[in-house]
Amino acid sequence: MVYLRNSFLAAFHFAAAEDPGFGHPRFLLMDTIEDKGMEQERSKHFQKLLALRSESASSDHQLIIATSMIADELDDPKYIVGKKYTHENRTLNILTT
């Protein structure tokens, strides 16, 4: 279900990126791909499909995918913004003395 729901969101986004008269923002933030139990390989495949579709869009748009399981092909400065957080490099660093 999460794949289907996110596919609908992506369809609206890319329709707006192709049709100037389509009244939908050309911005999409996806932060729920993994939250509802999408399997890792399916999530990575979905990311690759979104990147491929994004590169072929005919207008400027922005697509942000918040993920902890990035596809290897997309783990590149061309696609990534900001730091990569791991168990050792946490988002919240608390120093203890």
PDB file of N, CA and C in Angstrom:
ATOM      1  N   MET A   1       0.817  -1.203   0.000  1.00  0.00           N
ATOM      2  CA  MET A   1       0.000   0.000   0.000  1.00  0.00           C
ATOM      3  C   MET A   1       0.861   1.267   0.000  1.00  0.00           C
ATOM      4  N   VAL A   2       1.982   1.222   0.742  1.00  0.00           N
ATOM      5  CA  VAL A   2       2.838   2.412   0.793  1.00  0.00           C
ATOM      6  C   VAL A   2       3.444   2.702  -0.579  1.00  0.00           C
ATOM      7  N   TYR A   3       3.776   1.666  -1.319  1.00  0.00           N
ATOM      8  CA  TYR A   3       4.319   1.834  -2.674  1.00  0.00           C
ATOM      9  C   TYR A   3       3.270   2.505  -3.564  1.00  0.00           C
ATOM     10  N   LEU A   4       2.057   2.037  -3.484  1.00  0.00           N
ATOM     11  CA  LEU A   4       0.968   2.584  -4.291  1.00  0.00           C
ATOM     12  C   LEU A   4       0.688   4.042  -3.923  1.00  0.00           C
ATOM     13  N   ARG A   5       0.611   4.327  -2.634  1.00  0.00           N
ATOM     14  CA  ARG A   5       0.333   5.700  -2.188  1.00  0.00           C
ATOM     15  C   ARG A   5       1.432   6.655  -2.646  1.00  0.00           C
ATOM     16  N   ASN A   6       2.688   6.271  -2.479  1.00  0.00           N
ATOM     17  CA  ASN A   6       3.795   7.122  -2.910  1.00  0.00           C
ATOM     18  C   ASN A   6       3.866   7.235  -4.427  1.00  0.00           C
ATOM     19  N   SER A   7       3.423   6.212  -5.128  1.00  0.00           N
ATOM     20  CA  SER A   7       3.375   6.280  -6.591  1.00  0.00           C
ATOM     21  C   SER A   7       2.365   7.325  -7.054  1.00  0.00           C
ATOM     22  N   PHE A   8       1.235   7.417  -6.368  1.00  0.00           N
ATOM     23  CA  PHE A   8       0.254   8.448  -6.706  1.00  0.00           C
ATOM     24  C   PHE A   8       0.817   9.843  -6.454  1.00  0.00           C
ATOM     25  N   LEU A   9       1.503  10.034  -5.340  1.00  0.00           N
ATOM     26  CA  LEU A   9       2.118  11.330  -5.052  1.00  0.00           C
ATOM     27  C   LEU A   9       3.148  11.696  -6.114  1.00  0.00           C
ATOM     28  N   ALA A  10       3.963  10.723  -6.497  1.00  0.00           N
ATOM     29  CA  ALA A  10       4.971  10.960  -7.529  1.00  0.00           C
ATOM     30  C   ALA A  10       4.311  11.266  -8.870  1.00  0.00           C
ATOM     31  N   ALA A  11       3.209  10.604  -9.183  1.00  0.00           N
ATOM     32  CA  ALA A  11       2.506  10.847 -10.444  1.00  0.00           C
ATOM     33  C   ALA A  11       2.007  12.284 -10.517  1.00  0.00           C
ATOM     34  N   PHE A  12       1.441  12.794  -9.439  1.00  0.00           N
ATOM     35  CA  PHE A  12       1.010  14.195  -9.413  1.00  0.00           C
ATOM     36  C   PHE A  12       2.202  15.126  -9.601  1.00  0.00           C
ATOM     37  N   HIS A  13       3.283  14.826  -8.911  1.00  0.00           N
ATOM     38  CA  HIS A  13       4.488  15.655  -8.995  1.00  0.00           C
ATOM     39  C   HIS A  13       5.019  15.702 -10.425  1.00  0.00           C
ATOM     40  N   PHE A  14       5.157  14.567 -11.054  1.00  0.00           N
ATOM     41  CA  PHE A  14       5.723  14.537 -12.399  1.00  0.00           C
ATOM     42  C   PHE A  14       4.744  15.036 -13.450  1.00  0.00           C
ATOM     43  N   ALA A  15       3.449  14.908 -13.205  1.00  0.00           N
ATOM     44  CA  ALA A  15       2.471  15.516 -14.111  1.00  0.00           C
ATOM     45  C   ALA A  15       2.636  17.032 -14.106  1.00  0.00           C
ATOM     46  N   ALA A  16       2.844  17.600 -12.930  1.00  0.00           N
ATOM     47  CA  ALA A  16       3.061  19.050 -12.830  1.00  0.00           C
ATOM     48  C   ALA A  16       4.376  19.454 -13.475  1.00  0.00           C
ATOM     49  N   ALA A  17       5.375  18.585 -13.411  1.00  0.00           N
ATOM     50  CA  ALA A  17       6.670  18.885 -14.023  1.00  0.00           C
ATOM     51  C   ALA A  17       6.599  18.848 -15.545  1.00  0.00           C
ATOM     52  N   GLU A  18       5.595  18.186 -16.092  1.00  0.00           N
ATOM     53  CA  GLU A  18       5.455  18.083 -17.543  1.00  0.00           C
ATOM     54  C   GLU A  18       4.421  19.050 -18.120  1.00  0.00           C
ATOM     55  N   ASP A  19       3.387  19.357 -17.365  1.00  0.00           N
ATOM     56  CA  ASP A  19       2.280  20.174 -17.879  1.00  0.00           C
ATOM     57  C   ASP A  19       2.221  21.506 -17.146  1.00  0.00           C
ATOM     58  N   PRO A  20       2.527  22.629 -17.825  1.00  0.00           N
ATOM     59  CA  PRO A  20       2.514  23.936 -17.156  1.00  0.00           C
ATOM     60  C   PRO A  20       1.144  24.328 -16.603  1.00  0.00           C
ATOM     61  N   GLY A  21       0.081  23.752 -17.143  1.00  0.00           N
ATOM     62  CA  GLY A  21      -1.263  24.077 -16.678  1.00  0.00           C
ATOM     63  C   GLY A  21      -1.749  23.214 -15.522  1.00  0.00           C
ATOM     64  N   PHE A  22      -0.949  22.250 -15.130  1.00  0.00           N
ATOM     65  CA  PHE A  22      -1.336  21.350 -14.042  1.00  0.00           C
ATOM     66  C   PHE A  22      -1.152  22.080 -12.719  1.00  0.00           C
ATOM     67  N   GLY A  23      -2.224  22.308 -11.997  1.00  0.00           N
ATOM     68  CA  GLY A  23      -2.183  23.106 -10.773  1.00  0.00           C
ATOM     69  C   GLY A  23      -1.700  22.336  -9.557  1.00  0.00           C
ATOM     70  N   HIS A  24      -0.473  21.927  -9.579  1.00  0.00           N
ATOM     71  CA  HIS A  24       0.110  21.189  -8.457  1.00  0.00           C
ATOM     72  C   HIS A  24       1.552  21.653  -8.307  1.00  0.00           C
ATOM     73  N   PRO A  25       2.045  21.798  -7.094  1.00  0.00           N
ATOM     74  CA  PRO A  25       3.434  22.249  -6.924  1.00  0.00           C
ATOM     75  C   PRO A  25       4.437  21.288  -7.558  1.00  0.00           C
ATOM     76  N   ARG A  26       5.544  21.833  -7.974  1.00  0.00           N
ATOM     77  CA  ARG A  26       6.629  21.024  -8.532  1.00  0.00           C
ATOM     78  C   ARG A  26       7.655  20.713  -7.446  1.00  0.00           C
ATOM     79  N   PHE A  27       7.152  20.424  -6.286  1.00  0.00           N
ATOM     80  CA  PHE A  27       7.970  20.085  -5.123  1.00  0.00           C
ATOM     81  C   PHE A  27       7.337  18.883  -4.450  1.00  0.00           C
ATOM     82  N   LEU A  28       8.154  17.897  -4.127  1.00  0.00           N
ATOM     83  CA  LEU A  28       7.648  16.714  -3.439  1.00  0.00           C
ATOM     84  C   LEU A  28       8.654  16.275  -2.394  1.00  0.00           C
ATOM     85  N   LEU A  29       8.198  16.137  -1.170  1.00  0.00           N
ATOM     86  CA  LEU A  29       9.009  15.633  -0.062  1.00  0.00           C
ATOM     87  C   LEU A  29       8.439  14.281   0.337  1.00  0.00           C
ATOM     88  N   MET A  30       9.248  13.246   0.178  1.00  0.00           N
ATOM     89  CA  MET A  30       8.813  11.892   0.529  1.00  0.00           C
ATOM     90  C   MET A  30       9.604  11.423   1.744  1.00  0.00           C
ATOM     91  N   ASP A  31       8.881  11.253   2.834  1.00  0.00           N
ATOM     92  CA  ASP A  31       9.514  10.826   4.082  1.00  0.00           C
ATOM     93  C   ASP A  31       8.820   9.599   4.647  1.00  0.00           C
ATOM     94  N   THR A  32       8.039   8.938   3.843  1.00  0.00           N
ATOM     95  CA  THR A  32       7.277   7.800   4.363  1.00  0.00           C
ATOM     96  C   THR A  32       7.522   6.520   3.584  1.00  0.00           C
ATOM     97  N   ILE A  33       8.568   6.486   2.794  1.00  0.00           N
ATOM     98  CA  ILE A  33       8.802   5.300   1.968  1.00  0.00           C
ATOM     99  C   ILE A  33       9.075   4.077   2.839  1.00  0.00           C
ATOM    100  N   GLU A  34       9.875   4.228   3.881  1.00  0.00           N
ATOM    101  CA  GLU A  34      10.248   3.084   4.709  1.00  0.00           C
ATOM    102  C   GLU A  34       9.399   2.946   5.970  1.00  0.00           C
ATOM    103  N   ASP A  35       8.684   3.981   6.323  1.00  0.00           N
ATOM    104  CA  ASP A  35       7.975   4.002   7.603  1.00  0.00           C
ATOM    105  C   ASP A  35       6.917   2.922   7.752  1.00  0.00           C
ATOM    106  N   LYS A  36       6.306   2.552   6.663  1.00  0.00           N
ATOM    107  CA  LYS A  36       5.195   1.610   6.744  1.00  0.00           C
ATOM    108  C   LYS A  36       5.575   0.200   6.353  1.00  0.00           C
ATOM    109  N   GLY A  37       6.854  -0.120   6.433  1.00  0.00           N
ATOM    110  CA  GLY A  37       7.282  -1.486   6.226  1.00  0.00           C
ATOM    111  C   GLY A  37       7.697  -1.849   4.819  1.00  0.00           C
ATOM    112  N   MET A  38       7.994  -0.864   3.972  1.00  0.00           N
ATOM    113  CA  MET A  38       8.459  -1.211   2.632  1.00  0.00           C
ATOM    114  C   MET A  38       9.806  -1.921   2.740  1.00  0.00           C
ATOM    115  N   GLU A  39       9.946  -3.012   2.048  1.00  0.00           N
ATOM    116  CA  GLU A  39      11.187  -3.778   2.082  1.00  0.00           C
ATOM    117  C   GLU A  39      12.332  -2.970   1.486  1.00  0.00           C
ATOM    118  N   GLN A  40      13.535  -3.229   1.947  1.00  0.00           N
ATOM    119  CA  GLN A  40      14.705  -2.456   1.549  1.00  0.00           C
ATOM    120  C   GLN A  40      14.916  -2.472   0.035  1.00  0.00           C
ATOM    121  N   GLU A  41      14.868  -3.623  -0.593  1.00  0.00           N
ATOM    122  CA  GLU A  41      15.099  -3.692  -2.039  1.00  0.00           C
ATOM    123  C   GLU A  41      14.004  -2.964  -2.811  1.00  0.00           C
ATOM    124  N   ARG A  42      12.771  -3.081  -2.366  1.00  0.00           N
ATOM    125  CA  ARG A  42      11.671  -2.373  -3.029  1.00  0.00           C
ATOM    126  C   ARG A  42      11.834  -0.868  -2.870  1.00  0.00           C
ATOM    127  N   SER A  43      12.261  -0.426  -1.696  1.00  0.00           N
ATOM    128  CA  SER A  43      12.495   0.999  -1.456  1.00  0.00           C
ATOM    129  C   SER A  43      13.602   1.526  -2.376  1.00  0.00           C
ATOM    130  N   LYS A  44      14.680   0.785  -2.480  1.00  0.00           N
ATOM    131  CA  LYS A  44      15.795   1.206  -3.335  1.00  0.00           C
ATOM    132  C   LYS A  44      15.386   1.236  -4.806  1.00  0.00           C
ATOM    133  N   HIS A  45      14.599   0.254  -5.227  1.00  0.00           N
ATOM    134  CA  HIS A  45      14.114   0.238  -6.611  1.00  0.00           C
ATOM    135  C   HIS A  45      13.222   1.456  -6.871  1.00  0.00           C
ATOM    136  N   PHE A  46      12.363   1.773  -5.939  1.00  0.00           N
ATOM    137  CA  PHE A  46      11.474   2.934  -6.064  1.00  0.00           C
ATOM    138  C   PHE A  46      12.296   4.223  -6.156  1.00  0.00           C
ATOM    139  N   GLN A  47      13.337   4.337  -5.348  1.00  0.00           N
ATOM    140  CA  GLN A  47      14.216   5.510  -5.406  1.00  0.00           C
ATOM    141  C   GLN A  47      14.850   5.650  -6.791  1.00  0.00           C
ATOM    142  N   LYS A  48      15.323   4.549  -7.339  1.00  0.00           N
ATOM    143  CA  LYS A  48      15.961   4.579  -8.661  1.00  0.00           C
ATOM    144  C   LYS A  48      14.957   4.975  -9.741  1.00  0.00           C
ATOM    145  N   LEU A  49      13.733   4.488  -9.644  1.00  0.00           N
ATOM    146  CA  LEU A  49      12.702   4.867 -10.608  1.00  0.00           C
ATOM    147  C   LEU A  49      12.402   6.366 -10.523  1.00  0.00           C
ATOM    148  N   LEU A  50      12.319   6.886  -9.291  1.00  0.00           N
ATOM    149  CA  LEU A  50      12.058   8.320  -9.115  1.00  0.00           C
ATOM    150  C   LEU A  50      13.197   9.163  -9.675  1.00  0.00           C
ATOM    151  N   ALA A  51      14.439   8.741  -9.440  1.00  0.00           N
ATOM    152  CA  ALA A  51      15.590   9.493  -9.956  1.00  0.00           C
ATOM    153  C   ALA A  51      15.605   9.475 -11.483  1.00  0.00           C
ATOM    154  N   LEU A  52      15.324   8.335 -12.081  1.00  0.00           N
ATOM    155  CA  LEU A  52      15.292   8.222 -13.531  1.00  0.00           C
ATOM    156  C   LEU A  52      14.207   9.124 -14.119  1.00  0.00           C
ATOM    157  N   ARG A  53      13.046   9.090 -13.516  1.00  0.00           N
ATOM    158  CA  ARG A  53      11.933   9.932 -13.989  1.00  0.00           C
ATOM    159  C   ARG A  53      12.245  11.405 -13.782  1.00  0.00           C
ATOM    160  N   SER A  54      12.876  11.741 -12.695  1.00  0.00           N
ATOM    161  CA  SER A  54      13.233  13.130 -12.403  1.00  0.00           C
ATOM    162  C   SER A  54      14.201  13.675 -13.441  1.00  0.00           C
ATOM    163  N   GLU A  55      15.150  12.860 -13.845  1.00  0.00           N
ATOM    164  CA  GLU A  55      16.141  13.317 -14.818  1.00  0.00           C
ATOM    165  C   GLU A  55      15.535  13.542 -16.196  1.00  0.00           C
ATOM    166  N   SER A  56      14.418  12.900 -16.492  1.00  0.00           N
ATOM    167  CA  SER A  56      13.793  13.072 -17.801  1.00  0.00           C
ATOM    168  C   SER A  56      12.675  14.117 -17.797  1.00  0.00           C
ATOM    169  N   ALA A  57      12.402  14.731 -16.659  1.00  0.00           N
ATOM    170  CA  ALA A  57      11.343  15.747 -16.579  1.00  0.00           C
ATOM    171  C   ALA A  57      11.716  16.962 -17.418  1.00  0.00           C
ATOM    172  N   SER A  58      10.707  17.610 -17.970  1.00  0.00           N
ATOM    173  CA  SER A  58      10.968  18.717 -18.890  1.00  0.00           C
ATOM    174  C   SER A  58      11.015  20.085 -18.214  1.00  0.00           C
ATOM    175  N   SER A  59      10.758  20.163 -16.932  1.00  0.00           N
ATOM    176  CA  SER A  59      10.815  21.459 -16.247  1.00  0.00           C
ATOM    177  C   SER A  59      11.531  21.327 -14.905  1.00  0.00           C
ATOM    178  N   ASP A  60      11.879  22.473 -14.338  1.00  0.00           N
ATOM    179  CA  ASP A  60      12.515  22.471 -13.022  1.00  0.00           C
ATOM    180  C   ASP A  60      11.537  21.967 -11.974  1.00  0.00           C
ATOM    181  N   HIS A  61      12.031  21.170 -11.075  1.00  0.00           N
ATOM    182  CA  HIS A  61      11.221  20.632  -9.983  1.00  0.00           C
ATOM    183  C   HIS A  61      12.178  20.188  -8.885  1.00  0.00           C
ATOM    184  N   GLN A  62      11.614  19.895  -7.724  1.00  0.00           N
ATOM    185  CA  GLN A  62      12.441  19.424  -6.621  1.00  0.00           C
ATOM    186  C   GLN A  62      11.780  18.212  -5.987  1.00  0.00           C
ATOM    187  N   LEU A  63      12.569  17.168  -5.834  1.00  0.00           N
ATOM    188  CA  LEU A  63      12.115  15.927  -5.224  1.00  0.00           C
ATOM    189  C   LEU A  63      13.083  15.580  -4.103  1.00  0.00           C
ATOM    190  N   ILE A  64      12.560  15.490  -2.894  1.00  0.00           N
ATOM    191  CA  ILE A  64      13.386  15.149  -1.738  1.00  0.00           C
ATOM    192  C   ILE A  64      12.889  13.819  -1.184  1.00  0.00           C
ATOM    193  N   ILE A  65      13.810  12.871  -1.044  1.00  0.00           N
ATOM    194  CA  ILE A  65      13.483  11.573  -0.464  1.00  0.00           C
ATOM    195  C   ILE A  65      14.301  11.429   0.808  1.00  0.00           C
ATOM    196  N   ALA A  66      13.641  11.404   1.937  1.00  0.00           N
ATOM    197  CA  ALA A  66      14.317  11.186   3.211  1.00  0.00           C
ATOM    198  C   ALA A  66      14.358   9.679   3.446  1.00  0.00           C
ATOM    199  N   THR A  67      15.556   9.133   3.473  1.00  0.00           N
ATOM    200  CA  THR A  67      15.686   7.682   3.593  1.00  0.00           C
ATOM    201  C   THR A  67      16.910   7.307   4.410  1.00  0.00           C
ATOM    202  N   SER A  68      16.828   6.193   5.067  1.00  0.00           N
ATOM    203  CA  SER A  68      18.000   5.645   5.758  1.00  0.00           C
ATOM    204  C   SER A  68      18.587   4.491   4.958  1.00  0.00           C
ATOM    205  N   MET A  69      17.929   4.147   3.844  1.00  0.00           N
ATOM    206  CA  MET A  69      18.375   3.028   3.010  1.00  0.00           C
ATOM    207  C   MET A  69      18.512   3.508   1.570  1.00  0.00           C
ATOM    208  N   ILE A  70      19.513   4.324   1.295  1.00  0.00           N
ATOM    209  CA  ILE A  70      19.667   4.871  -0.051  1.00  0.00           C
ATOM    210  C   ILE A  70      20.203   3.816  -1.016  1.00  0.00           C
ATOM    211  N   ALA A  71      19.703   3.854  -2.229  1.00  0.00           N
ATOM    212  CA  ALA A  71      20.194   2.942  -3.268  1.00  0.00           C
ATOM    213  C   ALA A  71      21.657   3.259  -3.556  1.00  0.00           C
ATOM    214  N   ASP A  72      22.456   2.235  -3.755  1.00  0.00           N
ATOM    215  CA  ASP A  72      23.898   2.420  -3.978  1.00  0.00           C
ATOM    216  C   ASP A  72      24.178   3.369  -5.138  1.00  0.00           C
ATOM    217  N   GLU A  73      23.404   3.272  -6.205  1.00  0.00           N
ATOM    218  CA  GLU A  73      23.614   4.119  -7.375  1.00  0.00           C
ATOM    219  C   GLU A  73      23.341   5.592  -7.087  1.00  0.00           C
ATOM    220  N   LEU A  74      22.561   5.875  -6.074  1.00  0.00           N
ATOM    221  CA  LEU A  74      22.196   7.253  -5.735  1.00  0.00           C
ATOM    222  C   LEU A  74      23.030   7.822  -4.597  1.00  0.00           C
ATOM    223  N   ASP A  75      23.885   7.010  -4.031  1.00  0.00           N
ATOM    224  CA  ASP A  75      24.750   7.458  -2.939  1.00  0.00           C
ATOM    225  C   ASP A  75      25.923   8.224  -3.554  1.00  0.00           C
ATOM    226  N   ASP A  76      25.592   9.415  -4.060  1.00  0.00           N
ATOM    227  CA  ASP A  76      26.504  10.222  -4.870  1.00  0.00           C
ATOM    228  C   ASP A  76      26.210  11.699  -4.579  1.00  0.00           C
ATOM    229  N   PRO A  77      27.241  12.537  -4.512  1.00  0.00           N
ATOM    230  CA  PRO A  77      27.018  13.969  -4.243  1.00  0.00           C
ATOM    231  C   PRO A  77      26.062  14.644  -5.223  1.00  0.00           C
ATOM    232  N   LYS A  78      25.862  14.057  -6.383  1.00  0.00           N
ATOM    233  CA  LYS A  78      24.911  14.601  -7.351  1.00  0.00           C
ATOM    234  C   LYS A  78      23.494  14.591  -6.793  1.00  0.00           C
ATOM    235  N   TYR A  79      23.203  13.629  -5.937  1.00  0.00           N
ATOM    236  CA  TYR A  79      21.858  13.447  -5.404  1.00  0.00           C
ATOM    237  C   TYR A  79      21.726  13.775  -3.926  1.00  0.00           C
ATOM    238  N   ILE A  80      22.789  13.725  -3.183  1.00  0.00           N
ATOM    239  CA  ILE A  80      22.717  13.829  -1.725  1.00  0.00           C
ATOM    240  C   ILE A  80      22.994  15.251  -1.263  1.00  0.00           C
ATOM    241  N   VAL A  81      22.213  15.682  -0.292  1.00  0.00           N
ATOM    242  CA  VAL A  81      22.418  16.974   0.343  1.00  0.00           C
ATOM    243  C   VAL A  81      22.588  16.722   1.836  1.00  0.00           C
ATOM    244  N   GLY A  82      23.621  17.292   2.417  1.00  0.00           N
ATOM    245  CA  GLY A  82      23.818  17.165   3.854  1.00  0.00           C
ATOM    246  C   GLY A  82      24.627  15.946   4.249  1.00  0.00           C
ATOM    247  N   LYS A  83      24.634  15.726   5.542  1.00  0.00           N
ATOM    248  CA  LYS A  83      25.438  14.647   6.120  1.00  0.00           C
ATOM    249  C   LYS A  83      24.696  13.320   6.065  1.00  0.00           C
ATOM    250  N   LYS A  84      25.488  12.267   6.129  1.00  0.00           N
ATOM    251  CA  LYS A  84      24.940  10.920   6.232  1.00  0.00           C
ATOM    252  C   LYS A  84      25.065  10.499   7.693  1.00  0.00           C
ATOM    253  N   TYR A  85      23.968  10.120   8.288  1.00  0.00           N
ATOM    254  CA  TYR A  85      23.973   9.740   9.692  1.00  0.00           C
ATOM    255  C   TYR A  85      23.926   8.228   9.832  1.00  0.00           C
ATOM    256  N   THR A  86      24.685   7.732  10.790  1.00  0.00           N
ATOM    257  CA  THR A  86      24.749   6.303  11.084  1.00  0.00           C
ATOM    258  C   THR A  86      24.585   6.115  12.584  1.00  0.00           C
ATOM    259  N   HIS A  87      24.688   4.883  13.018  1.00  0.00           N
ATOM    260  CA  HIS A  87      24.616   4.608  14.453  1.00  0.00           C
ATOM    261  C   HIS A  87      25.781   5.278  15.184  1.00  0.00           C
ATOM    262  N   GLU A  88      26.932   5.320  14.521  1.00  0.00           N
ATOM    263  CA  GLU A  88      28.106   5.949  15.134  1.00  0.00           C
ATOM    264  C   GLU A  88      28.081   7.476  14.986  1.00  0.00           C
ATOM    265  N   ASN A  89      27.532   7.980  13.900  1.00  0.00           N
ATOM    266  CA  ASN A  89      27.441   9.424  13.641  1.00  0.00           C
ATOM    267  C   ASN A  89      25.963   9.824  13.720  1.00  0.00           C
ATOM    268  N   ARG A  90      25.487  10.024  14.922  1.00  0.00           N
ATOM    269  CA  ARG A  90      24.061  10.285  15.150  1.00  0.00           C
ATOM    270  C   ARG A  90      23.696  11.735  14.849  1.00  0.00           C
ATOM    271  N   THR A  91      22.419  11.963  14.610  1.00  0.00           N
ATOM    272  CA  THR A  91      21.942  13.310  14.308  1.00  0.00           C
ATOM    273  C   THR A  91      22.051  14.222  15.518  1.00  0.00           C
ATOM    274  N   LEU A  92      21.939  13.664  16.681  1.00  0.00           N
ATOM    275  CA  LEU A  92      22.057  14.430  17.912  1.00  0.00           C
ATOM    276  C   LEU A  92      23.266  13.914  18.677  1.00  0.00           C
ATOM    277  N   ASN A  93      24.333  14.707  18.676  1.00  0.00           N
ATOM    278  CA  ASN A  93      25.551  14.315  19.385  1.00  0.00           C
ATOM    279  C   ASN A  93      25.579  14.952  20.754  1.00  0.00           C
ATOM    280  N   ILE A  94      25.564  14.146  21.768  1.00  0.00           N
ATOM    281  CA  ILE A  94      25.612  14.635  23.140  1.00  0.00           C
ATOM    282  C   ILE A  94      26.978  14.276  23.703  1.00  0.00           C
ATOM    283  N   LEU A  95      27.722  15.284  24.067  1.00  0.00           N
ATOM    284  CA  LEU A  95      29.051  15.060  24.626  1.00  0.00           C
ATOM    285  C   LEU A  95      28.947  14.838  26.129  1.00  0.00           C
ATOM    286  N   THR A  96      29.597  13.824  26.597  1.00  0.00           N
ATOM    287  CA  THR A  96      29.629  13.565  28.037  1.00  0.00           C
ATOM    288  C   THR A  96      31.052  13.759  28.530  1.00  0.00           C
ATOM    289  N   THR A  97      31.181  14.268  29.723  1.00  0.00           N
ATOM    290  CA  THR A  97      32.521  14.506  30.290  1.00  0.00           C
ATOM    291  C   THR A  97      32.763  13.581  31.444  1.00  0.00           C
TER     292      THR A  97
END
